[in-house]
Each structure stands twice: as structure tokens, then as C-alpha cells.
């Protein structure tokens, strides 16, 4: 297990010492673990949003290349009818 050190002000340290029944190392490990999980989730959403934005740009690019009045839905319907 790795060791991580951090600083607190003197008043906080005194208050922590009055609460000796608490396992500060375990509490801090849990808290850091929760923060890491939440941040990873947040970053995953940011990554997902960048993929969504990239996809939207690609769709817009394809749409802009389509002839005026062209309907993708109509083409799909025509191909479905042709399969029958």
C-alpha cells in the first residue's frame, strides 16, 4: 500500500486528537476513494459528450453534402419496399 501525507491546520489536528476513537486513515482512504470514483464518472461523461459532439459534427457534415430536399427516411422506406 502506498503512503500519502497531507497537512491540516493546528486547530483541526487538535480536534482530530480529541476524537481518537476514529480511524482517520480508514476514513480518509474511504473518502479519497469516493472522490476518485465520482471524478472518474464525471470525466467519463465529459468523454462521452466529446464523442457525442464528434458524432453530431459528422452527421451535420453528411447532411450538408445531401442534395436539397433529399430525405433519408424516404430512401430507407424505398429499400424496405424493394426487399419484399
Protein backbone atom coordinates (compact mmCIF):
# COMPACT_ATOMS: atom_id res chain seq x y z
CA UNK A 1 0.00 0.00 0.00
CA UNK A 2 1.28 3.47 -0.88
CA UNK A 3 1.65 6.24 1.70
CA UNK A 4 0.12 9.68 1.18
CA UNK A 5 0.69 12.61 3.53
CA UNK A 6 -1.36 15.76 3.85
CA UNK A 7 -1.43 18.82 6.08
CA UNK A 8 -4.17 20.23 8.28
CA UNK A 9 -4.16 23.36 10.38
CA UNK A 10 -3.30 23.10 14.09
CA UNK A 11 -6.90 23.55 15.25
CA UNK A 12 -8.12 20.69 13.06
CA UNK A 13 -5.31 18.46 14.30
CA UNK A 14 -6.26 19.16 17.94
CA UNK A 15 -9.89 18.39 17.21
CA UNK A 16 -8.89 15.15 15.48
CA UNK A 17 -6.81 14.15 18.51
CA UNK A 18 -9.87 14.57 20.75
CA UNK A 19 -11.66 12.03 18.54
CA UNK A 20 -9.13 9.23 18.95
CA UNK A 21 -11.83 6.58 18.61
CA UNK A 22 -12.00 7.36 14.89
CA UNK A 23 -9.68 5.59 12.48
CA UNK A 24 -8.60 8.64 10.49
CA UNK A 25 -6.57 6.63 8.00
CA UNK A 26 -9.56 4.46 7.13
CA UNK A 27 -11.91 7.44 6.93
CA UNK A 28 -9.55 9.28 4.61
CA UNK A 29 -8.99 6.19 2.43
CA UNK A 30 -12.77 5.80 2.02
CA UNK A 31 -13.29 9.48 1.30
CA UNK A 32 -10.47 9.65 -1.24
CA UNK A 33 -11.84 6.51 -2.90
CA UNK A 34 -15.31 8.08 -3.17
CA UNK A 35 -13.91 11.31 -4.61
CA UNK A 36 -11.84 9.37 -7.15
CA UNK A 37 -14.91 7.36 -8.26
CA UNK A 38 -17.03 10.49 -8.62
CA UNK A 39 -14.35 12.28 -10.60
CA UNK A 40 -13.89 9.26 -12.88
CA UNK A 41 -17.65 9.26 -13.53
CA UNK A 42 -17.58 12.98 -14.26
CA UNK A 43 -14.67 12.57 -16.66
CA UNK A 44 -16.42 9.65 -18.37
CA UNK A 45 -19.41 11.93 -19.01
CA UNK A 46 -17.10 14.59 -20.43
CA UNK A 47 -15.52 11.97 -22.70
CA UNK A 48 -18.97 10.76 -23.73
CA UNK A 49 -20.03 14.32 -24.50
CA UNK A 50 -16.99 14.82 -26.72
CA UNK A 51 -17.92 11.64 -28.61
CA UNK A 52 -21.49 12.89 -28.96
CA UNK A 53 -20.24 16.24 -30.25
CA UNK A 54 -17.92 14.50 -32.71
CA UNK A 55 -20.81 12.33 -33.93
CA UNK A 56 -23.06 15.37 -34.30
CA UNK A 57 -20.39 17.10 -36.41
CA UNK A 58 -20.06 14.01 -38.63
CA UNK A 59 -23.84 13.82 -39.09
CA UNK A 60 -24.01 17.52 -39.89
CA UNK A 61 -21.20 17.09 -42.42
CA UNK A 62 -23.07 14.24 -44.12
CA UNK A 63 -26.32 16.19 -44.03
CA UNK A 64 -24.71 19.21 -45.64
CA UNK A 65 -23.50 17.02 -48.54
CA UNK A 66 -27.03 15.73 -49.22
CA UNK A 67 -28.92 17.23 -52.15
CA UNK A 68 -31.64 19.79 -51.37
CA UNK A 69 -34.91 18.06 -50.46
CA UNK A 70 -33.32 14.63 -50.03
CA UNK A 71 -34.93 12.50 -47.31
CA UNK A 72 -33.04 9.64 -45.76
CA UNK A 73 -36.30 8.29 -44.34
CA UNK A 74 -37.79 8.04 -47.82
CA UNK A 75 -34.74 6.17 -49.09
CA UNK A 76 -34.99 3.68 -46.22
CA UNK A 77 -38.68 3.13 -46.98
CA UNK A 78 -37.89 2.56 -50.66
CA UNK A 79 -35.19 -0.02 -49.83
CA UNK A 80 -37.51 -1.81 -47.40
CA UNK A 81 -40.21 -2.00 -50.05
CA UNK A 82 -37.68 -3.29 -52.59
CA UNK A 83 -36.74 -6.20 -50.29
CA UNK A 84 -40.27 -7.61 -50.30
